[in-house]
Amino acid sequence: MKNILWLIGLILLVSCNKELAFEFKEIKNNPCNDGYNCAHVQIDVVFATNKGIVADSINAYFLNATKNLMYFDDEQPDTISTYEGLLKKFTKVYTQTKKELEVENFMPWEFTCQQSIYFQSDRFINLKLEHYLFTGGAHGYGAVQSMVVDAKTGKKLGFDKLFTDVEAVKNLAENKFRTQYEIPLGKSLNEYGFFFEKDKFCLPQNIFFSEDKVVLHYNQYEIAPYAFGPIEIILDQKEIHKYLTVNQFQN
């Protein structure tokens, strides 16, 4: 009996070790007193603590995506391998720019970034990165990014790996989009204020999975002017499940 219990305990331990574990860390600089002549940075980091290609893939994606979102001068940011280094670099560029422009009350810059695990199953992991950047001008820019990775290999999964029929999903999404914005079939999408390339509907760059729906997310400027704001098309379980290569609704 003791041997059986020991074996069950060992199996559970091995199983638990295979599950991804995450640490969450807030990285930010100290705000200045008057709110001006500053660079405000806050990055909410998700870090996979396991050893292996899946954890490495997740950590590399979040770090590289954050690098690409932050403002840099001509110096290559590839030499920076930590979030603390990114914060220092952002502040350095701000200070150099303020000095070059010689403006007394130089507008503060701001960069905020929230990393998260949006959805996780035994087959795939949906990563989310939400950010806001302001480096002057009329307004800043905020957006979200999504990446779906294979839970066993860590490799990025494109639409062709997520859907059994990408064209059918695109048609389904377009019909919902037209209904959402009251655009009759056969009518030009761009005549209603959008700017799809060659006036043809396309799936967004970012897609989010959950237990009961799939969300197609278009960031500002992706298919419409800034005033439209972010645009989302929600495909519920009944509509989309037959086109999924991995049916997360069964997990």
C-alpha atoms as a PDB file:
ATOM      1  CA  MET A   1       0.000   0.000   0.000  1.00  0.00           C
ATOM      2  CA  LYS A   2       2.831   2.375   0.886  1.00  0.00           C
ATOM      3  CA  ASN A   3       4.537   1.617  -2.434  1.00  0.00           C
ATOM      4  CA  ILE A   4       1.342   2.424  -4.342  1.00  0.00           C
ATOM      5  CA  LEU A   5       0.925   5.738  -2.491  1.00  0.00           C
ATOM      6  CA  TRP A   6       4.588   6.615  -3.126  1.00  0.00           C
ATOM      7  CA  LEU A   7       4.127   5.886  -6.847  1.00  0.00           C
ATOM      8  CA  ILE A   8       0.999   8.031  -7.054  1.00  0.00           C
ATOM      9  CA  GLY A   9       2.827  10.860  -5.286  1.00  0.00           C
ATOM     10  CA  LEU A  10       5.758  10.594  -7.705  1.00  0.00           C
ATOM     11  CA  ILE A  11       3.445  10.731 -10.730  1.00  0.00           C
ATOM     12  CA  LEU A  12       1.712  13.825  -9.352  1.00  0.00           C
ATOM     13  CA  LEU A  13       5.057  15.485  -8.661  1.00  0.00           C
ATOM     14  CA  VAL A  14       6.326  14.853 -12.192  1.00  0.00           C
ATOM     15  CA  SER A  15       3.038  16.100 -13.619  1.00  0.00           C
ATOM     16  CA  CYS A  16       3.205  19.298 -11.569  1.00  0.00           C
ATOM     17  CA  ASN A  17       6.794  19.937 -12.608  1.00  0.00           C
ATOM     18  CA  LYS A  18       5.735  19.923 -16.255  1.00  0.00           C
ATOM     19  CA  GLU A  19       3.241  22.732 -15.667  1.00  0.00           C
ATOM     20  CA  LEU A  20       4.508  26.214 -16.355  1.00  0.00           C
ATOM     21  CA  ALA A  21       5.123  28.411 -13.337  1.00  0.00           C
ATOM     22  CA  PHE A  22       5.173  32.191 -13.559  1.00  0.00           C
ATOM     23  CA  GLU A  23       6.542  35.076 -11.543  1.00  0.00           C
ATOM     24  CA  PHE A  24       5.122  38.580 -11.776  1.00  0.00           C
ATOM     25  CA  LYS A  25       7.293  41.639 -11.286  1.00  0.00           C
ATOM     26  CA  GLU A  26       6.714  45.384 -11.500  1.00  0.00           C
ATOM     27  CA  ILE A  27       9.571  47.454 -12.894  1.00  0.00           C
ATOM     28  CA  LYS A  28       9.287  51.236 -12.800  1.00  0.00           C
ATOM     29  CA  ASN A  29      11.325  54.375 -12.260  1.00  0.00           C
ATOM     30  CA  ASN A  30      10.832  56.958  -9.521  1.00  0.00           C
ATOM     31  CA  PRO A  31       8.413  59.752 -10.533  1.00  0.00           C
ATOM     32  CA  CYS A  32       9.717  63.313 -10.439  1.00  0.00           C
ATOM     33  CA  ASN A  33       8.173  65.939  -8.187  1.00  0.00           C
ATOM     34  CA  ASP A  34       6.628  68.376 -10.663  1.00  0.00           C
ATOM     35  CA  GLY A  35       5.530  65.847 -13.290  1.00  0.00           C
ATOM     36  CA  TYR A  36       7.556  67.568 -16.023  1.00  0.00           C
ATOM     37  CA  ASN A  37      11.027  66.894 -17.392  1.00  0.00           C
ATOM     38  CA  CYS A  38      10.537  63.203 -16.707  1.00  0.00           C
ATOM     39  CA  ALA A  39      10.314  59.861 -18.396  1.00  0.00           C
ATOM     40  CA  HIS A  40       7.724  57.660 -16.689  1.00  0.00           C
ATOM     41  CA  VAL A  41       8.169  53.925 -17.186  1.00  0.00           C
ATOM     42  CA  GLN A  42       6.250  51.015 -15.705  1.00  0.00           C
ATOM     43  CA  ILE A  43       6.499  47.441 -16.990  1.00  0.00           C
ATOM     44  CA  ASP A  44       4.472  44.627 -15.431  1.00  0.00           C
ATOM     45  CA  VAL A  45       6.541  41.584 -16.323  1.00  0.00           C
ATOM     46  CA  VAL A  46       5.452  37.957 -16.614  1.00  0.00           C
ATOM     47  CA  PHE A  47       8.398  35.568 -16.317  1.00  0.00           C
ATOM     48  CA  ALA A  48       8.190  31.809 -16.857  1.00  0.00           C
ATOM     49  CA  THR A  49      10.471  30.244 -14.259  1.00  0.00           C
ATOM     50  CA  ASN A  50      10.633  26.713 -15.697  1.00  0.00           C
ATOM     51  CA  LYS A  51      13.598  25.445 -17.659  1.00  0.00           C
ATOM     52  CA  GLY A  52      12.918  24.420 -21.250  1.00  0.00           C
ATOM     53  CA  ILE A  53      12.048  25.693 -24.702  1.00  0.00           C
ATOM     54  CA  VAL A  54       8.457  26.691 -23.875  1.00  0.00           C
ATOM     55  CA  ALA A  55       9.444  28.936 -20.969  1.00  0.00           C
ATOM     56  CA  ASP A  56      12.368  30.341 -22.984  1.00  0.00           C
ATOM     57  CA  SER A  57      10.043  31.088 -25.898  1.00  0.00           C
ATOM     58  CA  ILE A  58       7.546  32.939 -23.696  1.00  0.00           C
ATOM     59  CA  ASN A  59      10.231  34.989 -21.937  1.00  0.00           C
ATOM     60  CA  ALA A  60      11.952  35.869 -25.215  1.00  0.00           C
ATOM     61  CA  TYR A  61       8.676  36.961 -26.810  1.00  0.00           C
ATOM     62  CA  PHE A  62       7.742  39.283 -23.959  1.00  0.00           C
ATOM     63  CA  LEU A  63      11.214  40.846 -23.759  1.00  0.00           C
ATOM     64  CA  ASN A  64      11.623  41.341 -27.515  1.00  0.00           C
ATOM     65  CA  ALA A  65       8.081  42.661 -27.962  1.00  0.00           C
ATOM     66  CA  THR A  66       8.654  45.182 -25.178  1.00  0.00           C
ATOM     67  CA  LYS A  67      11.947  46.244 -26.785  1.00  0.00           C
ATOM     68  CA  ASN A  68      10.258  46.892 -30.111  1.00  0.00           C
ATOM     69  CA  LEU A  69       7.488  48.947 -28.521  1.00  0.00           C
ATOM     70  CA  MET A  70       9.755  51.353 -26.641  1.00  0.00           C
ATOM     71  CA  TYR A  71      11.363  54.361 -28.261  1.00  0.00           C
ATOM     72  CA  PHE A  72      15.037  54.049 -29.221  1.00  0.00           C
ATOM     73  CA  ASP A  73      17.524  56.132 -31.145  1.00  0.00           C
ATOM     74  CA  ASP A  74      19.784  54.695 -33.850  1.00  0.00           C
ATOM     75  CA  GLU A  75      21.616  52.518 -31.344  1.00  0.00           C
ATOM     76  CA  GLN A  76      20.567  48.885 -31.678  1.00  0.00           C
ATOM     77  CA  PRO A  77      18.490  47.746 -28.662  1.00  0.00           C
ATOM     78  CA  ASP A  78      19.528  44.112 -29.204  1.00  0.00           C
ATOM     79  CA  THR A  79      22.402  44.680 -26.787  1.00  0.00           C
ATOM     80  CA  ILE A  80      19.895  45.197 -23.956  1.00  0.00           C
ATOM     81  CA  SER A  81      18.864  41.929 -22.334  1.00  0.00           C
ATOM     82  CA  THR A  82      17.008  43.080 -19.197  1.00  0.00           C
ATOM     83  CA  TYR A  83      13.918  45.158 -18.472  1.00  0.00           C
ATOM     84  CA  GLU A  84      15.975  47.352 -16.162  1.00  0.00           C
ATOM     85  CA  GLY A  85      18.251  48.060 -19.128  1.00  0.00           C
ATOM     86  CA  LEU A  86      15.246  49.025 -21.256  1.00  0.00           C
ATOM     87  CA  LEU A  87      14.082  51.468 -18.583  1.00  0.00           C
ATOM     88  CA  LYS A  88      17.516  53.099 -18.382  1.00  0.00           C
ATOM     89  CA  LYS A  89      17.733  53.339 -22.151  1.00  0.00           C
ATOM     90  CA  PHE A  90      14.311  54.967 -22.451  1.00  0.00           C
ATOM     91  CA  THR A  91      15.255  57.535 -19.791  1.00  0.00           C
ATOM     92  CA  LYS A  92      18.599  58.200 -21.466  1.00  0.00           C
ATOM     93  CA  VAL A  93      17.017  58.872 -24.860  1.00  0.00           C
ATOM     94  CA  TYR A  94      14.476  61.202 -23.237  1.00  0.00           C
ATOM     95  CA  THR A  95      17.233  63.170 -21.469  1.00  0.00           C
ATOM     96  CA  GLN A  96      19.292  63.449 -24.670  1.00  0.00           C
ATOM     97  CA  THR A  97      16.279  64.593 -26.697  1.00  0.00           C
ATOM     98  CA  LYS A  98      15.312  67.221 -24.108  1.00  0.00           C
ATOM     99  CA  LYS A  99      18.864  68.554 -24.085  1.00  0.00           C
ATOM    100  CA  GLU A 100      19.064  68.750 -27.870  1.00  0.00           C
ATOM    101  CA  LEU A 101      15.733  70.583 -28.198  1.00  0.00           C
ATOM    102  CA  GLU A 102      16.567  73.002 -25.339  1.00  0.00           C
ATOM    103  CA  VAL A 103      12.970  73.261 -24.102  1.00  0.00           C
ATOM    104  CA  GLU A 104      12.530  74.378 -20.489  1.00  0.00           C
ATOM    105  CA  ASN A 105       9.262  72.543 -19.767  1.00  0.00           C
ATOM    106  CA  PHE A 106       9.754  69.570 -22.010  1.00  0.00           C
ATOM    107  CA  MET A 107       6.696  67.307 -22.128  1.00  0.00           C
ATOM    108  CA  PRO A 108       7.141  64.133 -20.061  1.00  0.00           C
ATOM    109  CA  TRP A 109       7.366  60.843 -21.908  1.00  0.00           C
ATOM    110  CA  GLU A 110       5.457  57.796 -20.768  1.00  0.00           C
ATOM    111  CA  PHE A 111       5.670  54.095 -21.412  1.00  0.00           C
ATOM    112  CA  THR A 112       3.507  51.516 -19.653  1.00  0.00           C
ATOM    113  CA  CYS A 113       3.327  47.834 -20.471  1.00  0.00           C
ATOM    114  CA  GLN A 114       1.293  44.992 -18.966  1.00  0.00           C
ATOM    115  CA  GLN A 115       2.213  41.420 -19.861  1.00  0.00           C
ATOM    116  CA  SER A 116      -0.202  38.582 -19.104  1.00  0.00           C
ATOM    117  CA  ILE A 117      -1.138  34.987 -19.848  1.00  0.00           C
ATOM    118  CA  TYR A 118      -4.524  35.500 -21.475  1.00  0.00           C
ATOM    119  CA  PHE A 119      -5.408  31.835 -21.876  1.00  0.00           C
ATOM    120  CA  GLN A 120      -3.632  28.562 -21.156  1.00  0.00           C
ATOM    121  CA  SER A 121      -4.497  24.956 -21.974  1.00  0.00           C
ATOM    122  CA  ASP A 122      -2.563  21.725 -22.360  1.00  0.00           C
ATOM    123  CA  ARG A 123      -2.298  22.426 -26.098  1.00  0.00           C
ATOM    124  CA  PHE A 124      -1.506  26.126 -26.454  1.00  0.00           C
ATOM    125  CA  ILE A 125      -0.798  29.321 -24.517  1.00  0.00           C
ATOM    126  CA  ASN A 126      -2.186  32.712 -25.520  1.00  0.00           C
ATOM    127  CA  LEU A 127       0.101  35.585 -24.480  1.00  0.00           C
ATOM    128  CA  LYS A 128      -1.075  39.186 -24.244  1.00  0.00           C
ATOM    129  CA  LEU A 129       0.879  42.421 -24.128  1.00  0.00           C
ATOM    130  CA  GLU A 130      -0.881  45.752 -23.625  1.00  0.00           C
ATOM    131  CA  HIS A 131       1.057  49.001 -23.876  1.00  0.00           C
ATOM    132  CA  TYR A 132       0.815  52.780 -24.029  1.00  0.00           C
ATOM    133  CA  LEU A 133       3.516  55.098 -25.386  1.00  0.00           C
ATOM    134  CA  PHE A 134       3.696  58.902 -25.399  1.00  0.00           C
ATOM    135  CA  THR A 135       6.741  60.766 -26.718  1.00  0.00           C
ATOM    136  CA  GLY A 136       5.070  64.054 -27.611  1.00  0.00           C
ATOM    137  CA  GLY A 137       2.442  65.135 -30.082  1.00  0.00           C
ATOM    138  CA  ALA A 138      -1.332  65.416 -29.847  1.00  0.00           C
ATOM    139  CA  HIS A 139      -1.778  62.107 -28.077  1.00  0.00           C
ATOM    140  CA  GLY A 140      -0.053  58.880 -27.220  1.00  0.00           C
ATOM    141  CA  TYR A 141      -0.729  55.488 -28.698  1.00  0.00           C
ATOM    142  CA  GLY A 142      -1.966  52.364 -26.952  1.00  0.00           C
ATOM    143  CA  ALA A 143      -2.375  48.897 -28.380  1.00  0.00           C
ATOM    144  CA  VAL A 144      -2.456  45.218 -27.531  1.00  0.00           C
ATOM    145  CA  GLN A 145      -0.501  42.338 -28.997  1.00  0.00           C
ATOM    146  CA  SER A 146      -1.216  38.633 -28.976  1.00  0.00           C
ATOM    147  CA  MET A 147       0.942  35.597 -29.549  1.00  0.00           C
ATOM    148  CA  VAL A 148      -0.221  31.991 -29.460  1.00  0.00           C
ATOM    149  CA  VAL A 149       2.431  29.349 -28.794  1.00  0.00           C
ATOM    150  CA  ASP A 150       2.351  25.567 -28.790  1.00  0.00           C
ATOM    151  CA  ALA A 151       2.341  24.375 -25.171  1.00  0.00           C
ATOM    152  CA  LYS A 152       4.781  21.544 -25.969  1.00  0.00           C
ATOM    153  CA  THR A 153       7.229  23.150 -28.404  1.00  0.00           C
ATOM    154  CA  GLY A 154       6.974  26.861 -27.663  1.00  0.00           C
ATOM    155  CA  LYS A 155       6.660  27.604 -31.382  1.00  0.00           C
ATOM    156  CA  LYS A 156       4.381  30.387 -32.575  1.00  0.00           C
ATOM    157  CA  LEU A 157       1.088  29.179 -34.043  1.00  0.00           C
ATOM    158  CA  GLY A 158      -0.194  31.099 -37.070  1.00  0.00           C
ATOM    159  CA  PHE A 159      -3.749  31.154 -38.385  1.00  0.00           C
ATOM    160  CA  ASP A 160      -3.057  28.083 -40.517  1.00  0.00           C
ATOM    161  CA  LYS A 161      -2.181  26.128 -37.345  1.00  0.00           C
ATOM    162  CA  LEU A 162      -5.131  27.433 -35.337  1.00  0.00           C
ATOM    163  CA  PHE A 163      -7.924  27.091 -37.888  1.00  0.00           C
ATOM    164  CA  THR A 164      -8.862  24.195 -40.153  1.00  0.00           C
ATOM    165  CA  ASP A 165     -10.215  26.612 -42.779  1.00  0.00           C
ATOM    166  CA  VAL A 166      -8.805  30.151 -42.587  1.00  0.00           C
ATOM    167  CA  GLU A 167     -10.899  31.370 -45.517  1.00  0.00           C
ATOM    168  CA  ALA A 168     -14.103  30.180 -43.850  1.00  0.00           C
ATOM    169  CA  VAL A 169     -13.148  31.975 -40.639  1.00  0.00           C
ATOM    170  CA  LYS A 170     -12.439  35.142 -42.612  1.00  0.00           C
ATOM    171  CA  ASN A 171     -15.861  34.946 -44.284  1.00  0.00           C
ATOM    172  CA  LEU A 172     -17.543  34.373 -40.923  1.00  0.00           C
ATOM    173  CA  ALA A 173     -15.712  37.347 -39.420  1.00  0.00           C
ATOM    174  CA  GLU A 174     -16.515  39.605 -42.377  1.00  0.00           C
ATOM    175  CA  ASN A 175     -20.239  38.824 -42.122  1.00  0.00           C
ATOM    176  CA  LYS A 176     -20.187  39.707 -38.422  1.00  0.00           C
ATOM    177  CA  PHE A 177     -18.160  42.845 -39.150  1.00  0.00           C
ATOM    178  CA  ARG A 178     -20.651  44.014 -41.792  1.00  0.00           C
ATOM    179  CA  THR A 179     -23.548  43.383 -39.428  1.00  0.00           C
ATOM    180  CA  GLN A 180     -21.749  45.202 -36.619  1.00  0.00           C
ATOM    181  CA  TYR A 181     -21.205  48.308 -38.745  1.00  0.00           C
ATOM    182  CA  GLU A 182     -24.366  47.987 -40.881  1.00  0.00           C
ATOM    183  CA  ILE A 183     -22.493  47.533 -44.159  1.00  0.00           C
ATOM    184  CA  PRO A 184     -24.594  45.599 -46.711  1.00  0.00           C
ATOM    185  CA  LEU A 185     -23.072  42.668 -48.576  1.00  0.00           C
ATOM    186  CA  GLY A 186     -21.498  43.775 -51.834  1.00  0.00           C
ATOM    187  CA  LYS A 187     -20.907  47.324 -50.585  1.00  0.00           C
ATOM    188  CA  SER A 188     -17.400  48.749 -50.278  1.00  0.00           C
ATOM    189  CA  LEU A 189     -15.986  48.537 -46.765  1.00  0.00           C
ATOM    190  CA  ASN A 190     -13.756  51.544 -47.274  1.00  0.00           C
ATOM    191  CA  GLU A 191     -16.679  53.749 -48.289  1.00  0.00           C
ATOM    192  CA  TYR A 192     -17.852  53.422 -44.675  1.00  0.00           C
ATOM    193  CA  GLY A 193     -14.653  54.943 -43.310  1.00  0.00           C
ATOM    194  CA  PHE A 194     -12.358  51.925 -43.150  1.00  0.00           C
ATOM    195  CA  PHE A 195      -9.108  51.426 -45.027  1.00  0.00           C
ATOM    196  CA  PHE A 196      -8.700  47.761 -45.808  1.00  0.00           C
ATOM    197  CA  GLU A 197      -5.953  47.104 -48.336  1.00  0.00           C
ATOM    198  CA  LYS A 198      -7.527  46.880 -51.816  1.00  0.00           C
ATOM    199  CA  ASP A 199     -10.892  47.209 -50.056  1.00  0.00           C
ATOM    200  CA  LYS A 200     -10.799  43.542 -49.055  1.00  0.00           C
ATOM    201  CA  PHE A 201     -11.606  42.324 -45.556  1.00  0.00           C
ATOM    202  CA  CYS A 202      -8.717  40.710 -43.682  1.00  0.00           C
ATOM    203  CA  LEU A 203      -8.236  39.042 -40.321  1.00  0.00           C
ATOM    204  CA  PRO A 204      -6.389  41.095 -37.670  1.00  0.00           C
ATOM    205  CA  GLN A 205      -2.838  40.588 -36.520  1.00  0.00           C
ATOM    206  CA  ASN A 206      -4.015  39.822 -32.985  1.00  0.00           C
ATOM    207  CA  ILE A 207      -6.406  37.121 -31.856  1.00  0.00           C
ATOM    208  CA  PHE A 208      -7.417  36.078 -28.342  1.00  0.00           C
ATOM    209  CA  PHE A 209      -8.838  32.748 -27.188  1.00  0.00           C
ATOM    210  CA  SER A 210     -10.907  32.049 -24.090  1.00  0.00           C
ATOM    211  CA  GLU A 211     -13.100  29.254 -22.772  1.00  0.00           C
ATOM    212  CA  ASP A 212     -16.243  30.491 -24.528  1.00  0.00           C
ATOM    213  CA  LYS A 213     -15.188  32.680 -27.454  1.00  0.00           C
ATOM    214  CA  VAL A 214     -12.515  33.865 -29.875  1.00  0.00           C
ATOM    215  CA  VAL A 215     -11.859  37.613 -30.107  1.00  0.00           C
ATOM    216  CA  LEU A 216     -10.438  39.203 -33.259  1.00  0.00           C
ATOM    217  CA  HIS A 217      -8.789  42.463 -32.206  1.00  0.00           C
ATOM    218  CA  TYR A 218      -7.858  45.345 -34.522  1.00  0.00           C
ATOM    219  CA  ASN A 219      -5.717  48.057 -32.939  1.00  0.00           C
ATOM    220  CA  GLN A 220      -6.230  51.727 -33.717  1.00  0.00           C
ATOM    221  CA  TYR A 221      -5.031  52.679 -37.210  1.00  0.00           C
ATOM    222  CA  GLU A 222      -4.995  49.016 -38.290  1.00  0.00           C
ATOM    223  CA  ILE A 223      -8.153  49.205 -40.411  1.00  0.00           C
ATOM    224  CA  ALA A 224      -9.693  52.573 -39.483  1.00  0.00           C
ATOM    225  CA  PRO A 225      -8.832  56.116 -38.363  1.00  0.00           C
ATOM    226  CA  TYR A 226      -7.803  56.785 -34.763  1.00  0.00           C
ATOM    227  CA  ALA A 227     -11.273  58.074 -33.866  1.00  0.00           C
ATOM    228  CA  PHE A 228     -12.779  54.607 -34.385  1.00  0.00           C
ATOM    229  CA  GLY A 229     -10.744  53.270 -31.490  1.00  0.00           C
ATOM    230  CA  PRO A 230      -9.878  49.558 -31.174  1.00  0.00           C
ATOM    231  CA  ILE A 231     -12.273  47.267 -33.057  1.00  0.00           C
ATOM    232  CA  GLU A 232     -13.211  43.757 -31.953  1.00  0.00           C
ATOM    233  CA  ILE A 233     -15.167  40.973 -33.584  1.00  0.00           C
ATOM    234  CA  ILE A 234     -16.359  38.326 -31.147  1.00  0.00           C
ATOM    235  CA  LEU A 235     -16.936  34.788 -32.417  1.00  0.00           C
ATOM    236  CA  ASP A 236     -18.736  32.669 -29.850  1.00  0.00           C
ATOM    237  CA  GLN A 237     -18.321  28.954 -29.243  1.00  0.00           C
ATOM    238  CA  LYS A 238     -21.168  27.856 -31.533  1.00  0.00           C
ATOM    239  CA  GLU A 239     -19.848  29.896 -34.448  1.00  0.00           C
ATOM    240  CA  ILE A 240     -16.154  29.056 -34.330  1.00  0.00           C
ATOM    241  CA  HIS A 241     -15.677  25.634 -32.709  1.00  0.00           C
ATOM    242  CA  LYS A 242     -15.877  23.641 -35.962  1.00  0.00           C
ATOM    243  CA  TYR A 243     -12.989  25.623 -37.445  1.00  0.00           C
ATOM    244  CA  LEU A 244     -10.572  25.183 -34.533  1.00  0.00           C
ATOM    245  CA  THR A 245      -7.684  22.742 -34.881  1.00  0.00           C
ATOM    246  CA  VAL A 246      -7.528  22.579 -31.089  1.00  0.00           C
ATOM    247  CA  ASN A 247     -10.884  22.931 -29.402  1.00  0.00           C
ATOM    248  CA  GLN A 248     -10.165  24.752 -26.141  1.00  0.00           C
ATOM    249  CA  PHE A 249     -13.880  24.658 -25.325  1.00  0.00           C
ATOM    250  CA  GLN A 250     -13.475  20.989 -24.428  1.00  0.00           C
ATOM    251  CA  ASN A 251     -10.703  21.617 -21.858  1.00  0.00           C
END
